[in-house]
Amino acid sequence: MEPITLTTERLVLRTMEPADADAVYQACQDPEISRWTSVPSPYTRQHAADFTGPVSAQGWADDILYNFGAFTRDGGTLVGSVGLVRLGKLGAPDHQAELGYWAVKEQRGRGYTAEAGLAVCRWAFTDLGVQRMEWFADAGNEGSRAVARRIGFVMEGTMRAKIVHNGTRRDCWTGSLLPSDLGLPLAAPYLAFPGE
């Protein structure tokens, strides 16, 4: 798939490019990003060059990993990164994907990450045929959970030992988002459990 650009009220979401490497490198020096995400630590300039170059390009070419840099519309300042990973191939019956994100420390608390994440989810539902979006974060990552809730994710609980981070298994929080949560039609019928 060819990379695309999405726009929101305040942001431009586009694929990362080699020219973004320095901004990504600077952002990923924040210890909170390496604490809660899978970015390497210590984060080197080579990591940034790989992420903004071949990793992002290959993900789009393979049509399974779509990394977006979130930049302000006025000024082009990097505010974060939003990634979408298809779970299985689109032709598979489940049509699921996972959303992940990080925010530049100085840009947190302004709603940018939720704005960007919502735009990526809408795109995935309408253009990629995704029918269920999943979100996972280390249990205790209150910031990520707050963003997921602002996007519209329904919290589903805690999964034991789901995430492996630096060789250690960690519990994680999980949530899901359906097209219908955003007022969009579901491509397949949904039979919800009526409750206990």
Protein backbone atom coordinates (compact mmCIF):
# COMPACT_ATOMS: atom_id res chain seq x y z
CA MET A 1 0.00 0.00 0.00
CA GLU A 2 1.19 3.51 -0.75
CA PRO A 3 1.52 5.74 2.32
CA ILE A 4 -1.33 8.18 2.84
CA THR A 5 -1.75 11.46 4.70
CA LEU A 6 -4.61 12.16 7.10
CA THR A 7 -5.55 15.56 8.46
CA THR A 8 -7.48 16.59 11.55
CA GLU A 9 -8.44 19.97 12.92
CA ARG A 10 -4.94 20.54 14.32
CA LEU A 11 -2.73 17.81 12.87
CA VAL A 12 -1.22 16.30 9.75
CA LEU A 13 -0.62 12.55 10.02
CA ARG A 14 1.87 11.24 7.50
CA THR A 15 4.42 8.50 7.18
CA MET A 16 7.73 9.17 8.86
CA GLU A 17 10.53 10.23 6.54
CA PRO A 18 14.33 10.28 6.96
CA ALA A 19 14.16 14.06 7.53
CA ASP A 20 12.15 13.35 10.72
CA ALA A 21 14.91 11.26 12.29
CA ASP A 22 16.34 14.04 14.48
CA ALA A 23 12.93 14.97 15.92
CA VAL A 24 12.16 11.29 16.61
CA TYR A 25 15.58 10.80 18.21
CA GLN A 26 15.04 13.81 20.49
CA ALA A 27 11.54 12.67 21.48
CA CYS A 28 12.67 9.14 22.30
CA GLN A 29 15.27 10.36 24.78
CA ASP A 30 12.34 10.74 27.20
CA PRO A 31 12.63 7.83 29.66
CA GLU A 32 8.83 7.58 29.89
CA ILE A 33 8.64 6.50 26.24
CA SER A 34 11.10 3.65 26.73
CA ARG A 35 9.47 2.74 30.05
CA TRP A 36 6.02 2.21 28.55
CA THR A 37 6.65 1.31 24.89
CA SER A 38 8.75 -1.10 22.89
CA VAL A 39 11.21 1.51 21.58
CA PRO A 40 14.83 0.47 22.19
CA SER A 41 16.65 1.84 25.22
CA PRO A 42 19.02 3.56 24.99
CA TYR A 43 17.52 5.06 21.83
CA THR A 44 20.22 5.93 19.32
CA ARG A 45 20.30 8.08 16.22
CA GLN A 46 20.54 4.86 14.19
CA HIS A 47 17.27 3.64 15.75
CA ALA A 48 15.62 6.89 14.68
CA ALA A 49 17.09 6.63 11.17
CA ASP A 50 15.82 3.05 10.84
CA PHE A 51 12.35 3.92 12.15
CA THR A 52 11.87 6.94 9.90
CA GLY A 53 13.42 5.20 6.89
CA PRO A 54 13.25 1.49 6.14
CA VAL A 55 10.98 0.39 9.02
CA SER A 56 8.18 2.80 8.15
CA ALA A 57 8.57 2.32 4.40
CA GLN A 58 8.60 -1.49 4.66
CA GLY A 59 5.53 -1.54 6.92
CA TRP A 60 3.51 0.34 4.32
CA ALA A 61 4.93 -1.76 1.46
CA ASP A 62 4.01 -4.98 3.30
CA ASP A 63 0.51 -3.58 3.95
CA ILE A 64 0.50 -4.65 7.60
CA LEU A 65 2.21 -1.88 9.63
CA TYR A 66 1.27 1.76 9.18
CA ASN A 67 3.33 4.27 11.15
CA PHE A 68 2.17 7.86 11.15
CA GLY A 69 4.05 10.84 12.48
CA ALA A 70 1.64 13.37 14.01
CA PHE A 71 2.67 16.93 13.18
CA THR A 72 0.99 20.25 13.96
CA ARG A 73 -0.74 21.80 10.96
CA ASP A 74 0.68 25.19 11.85
CA GLY A 75 4.43 24.78 12.11
CA GLY A 76 4.93 21.08 11.39
CA THR A 77 6.11 20.25 14.93
CA LEU A 78 6.28 16.53 15.74
CA VAL A 79 3.84 15.80 18.56
CA GLY A 80 3.93 12.01 18.50
CA SER A 81 3.66 8.78 16.59
CA VAL A 82 0.65 6.55 15.96
CA GLY A 83 1.07 3.03 14.63
CA LEU A 84 -1.47 0.55 13.37
CA VAL A 85 -0.64 -3.15 13.01
CA ARG A 86 -2.95 -5.52 11.19
CA LEU A 87 -3.50 -8.73 13.09
CA GLY A 88 -3.47 -11.34 10.35
CA LYS A 89 -4.17 -10.48 6.75
CA LEU A 90 -7.14 -8.34 5.76
CA GLY A 91 -8.61 -11.33 3.92
CA ALA A 92 -8.75 -13.28 7.17
CA PRO A 93 -12.18 -13.52 8.80
CA ASP A 94 -11.28 -11.52 11.91
CA HIS A 95 -10.29 -8.13 10.32
CA GLN A 96 -8.55 -6.93 13.49
CA ALA A 97 -5.78 -4.42 14.14
CA GLU A 98 -3.87 -3.00 17.08
CA LEU A 99 -3.30 0.69 17.76
CA GLY A 100 -0.21 2.01 19.51
CA TYR A 101 1.16 5.49 20.13
CA TRP A 102 3.64 7.69 21.96
CA ALA A 103 3.67 11.44 22.55
CA VAL A 104 6.49 13.95 22.66
CA LYS A 105 6.91 14.97 26.31
CA GLU A 106 6.49 18.70 25.66
CA GLN A 107 3.27 18.10 23.68
CA ARG A 108 1.41 15.94 26.21
CA GLY A 109 -1.82 17.08 27.79
CA ARG A 110 -3.12 18.89 24.69
CA GLY A 111 -5.27 16.09 23.27
CA TYR A 112 -3.06 15.57 20.22
CA THR A 113 -2.57 11.83 20.71
CA ALA A 114 -6.30 11.12 21.05
CA GLU A 115 -7.02 13.32 18.02
CA ALA A 116 -4.43 11.46 15.94
CA GLY A 117 -5.47 8.02 17.21
CA LEU A 118 -9.12 8.67 16.43
CA ALA A 119 -8.27 9.72 12.87
CA VAL A 120 -6.20 6.56 12.33
CA CYS A 121 -8.98 4.35 13.74
CA ARG A 122 -11.59 5.97 11.48
CA TRP A 123 -9.31 5.44 8.49
CA ALA A 124 -8.76 1.79 9.45
CA PHE A 125 -12.49 1.15 9.79
CA THR A 126 -13.52 2.93 6.58
CA ASP A 127 -10.57 2.25 4.25
CA LEU A 128 -8.87 -0.93 5.50
CA GLY A 129 -11.98 -2.90 6.48
CA VAL A 130 -10.89 -3.32 10.09
CA GLN A 131 -13.84 -4.46 12.24
CA ARG A 132 -12.19 -4.55 15.67
CA MET A 133 -9.39 -2.33 16.95
CA GLU A 134 -7.40 -3.47 19.97
CA TRP A 135 -5.29 -1.47 22.41
CA PHE A 136 -2.80 -2.85 24.91
CA ALA A 137 -0.64 -1.03 27.47
CA ASP A 138 1.42 -2.06 30.47
CA ALA A 139 -0.84 -2.15 33.51
CA GLY A 140 -0.23 1.14 35.28
CA ASN A 141 0.19 3.25 32.15
CA GLU A 142 -2.51 5.74 33.11
CA GLY A 143 -1.61 8.18 30.33
CA SER A 144 -2.08 5.62 27.56
CA ARG A 145 -5.34 4.43 29.09
CA ALA A 146 -6.66 8.00 29.29
CA VAL A 147 -5.89 8.50 25.59
CA ALA A 148 -7.56 5.19 24.66
CA ARG A 149 -10.68 6.18 26.57
CA ARG A 150 -10.78 9.59 24.86
CA ILE A 151 -10.63 7.84 21.49
CA GLY A 152 -13.59 5.69 22.56
CA PHE A 153 -12.00 2.36 23.50
CA VAL A 154 -13.98 0.21 25.90
CA MET A 155 -11.75 -1.18 28.64
CA GLU A 156 -11.89 -4.97 28.80
CA GLY A 157 -9.62 -5.80 31.70
CA THR A 158 -6.13 -6.96 32.60
CA MET A 159 -4.28 -9.73 30.79
CA ARG A 160 -1.62 -11.56 32.75
CA ALA A 161 1.95 -11.67 31.42
CA LYS A 162 0.86 -10.47 27.94
CA ILE A 163 3.64 -7.97 27.21
CA VAL A 164 7.34 -8.85 27.15
CA HIS A 165 9.44 -5.77 27.90
CA ASN A 166 13.22 -6.06 28.23
CA GLY A 167 12.95 -9.79 28.87
CA THR A 168 10.29 -9.48 31.57
CA ARG A 169 6.66 -10.47 31.16
CA ARG A 170 4.23 -7.81 32.33
CA ASP A 171 0.50 -7.62 32.88
CA CYS A 172 -1.34 -5.32 30.51
CA TRP A 173 -4.57 -3.46 30.24
CA THR A 174 -6.63 -4.08 27.15
CA GLY A 175 -9.47 -2.38 25.36
CA SER A 176 -11.31 -2.55 22.08
CA LEU A 177 -12.98 -0.17 19.67
CA LEU A 178 -15.64 -1.17 17.14
CA PRO A 179 -16.78 0.88 14.15
CA SER A 180 -20.19 1.20 15.83
CA ASP A 181 -18.50 2.95 18.79
CA LEU A 182 -17.75 5.77 16.34
CA GLY A 183 -21.15 5.70 14.65
CA LEU A 184 -19.86 3.69 11.69
CA PRO A 185 -21.53 0.54 10.34
CA LEU A 186 -20.26 -2.92 11.18
CA ALA A 187 -19.47 -5.05 8.13
CA ALA A 188 -20.42 -8.25 9.96
CA PRO A 189 -23.29 -8.86 12.39
CA TYR A 190 -22.34 -8.54 16.05
CA LEU A 191 -23.97 -10.76 18.64
CA ALA A 192 -23.13 -9.25 22.02
CA PHE A 193 -23.38 -11.38 25.17
CA PRO A 194 -26.43 -10.12 27.10
CA GLY A 195 -24.61 -10.18 30.44
CA GLU A 196 -24.64 -12.36 33.49
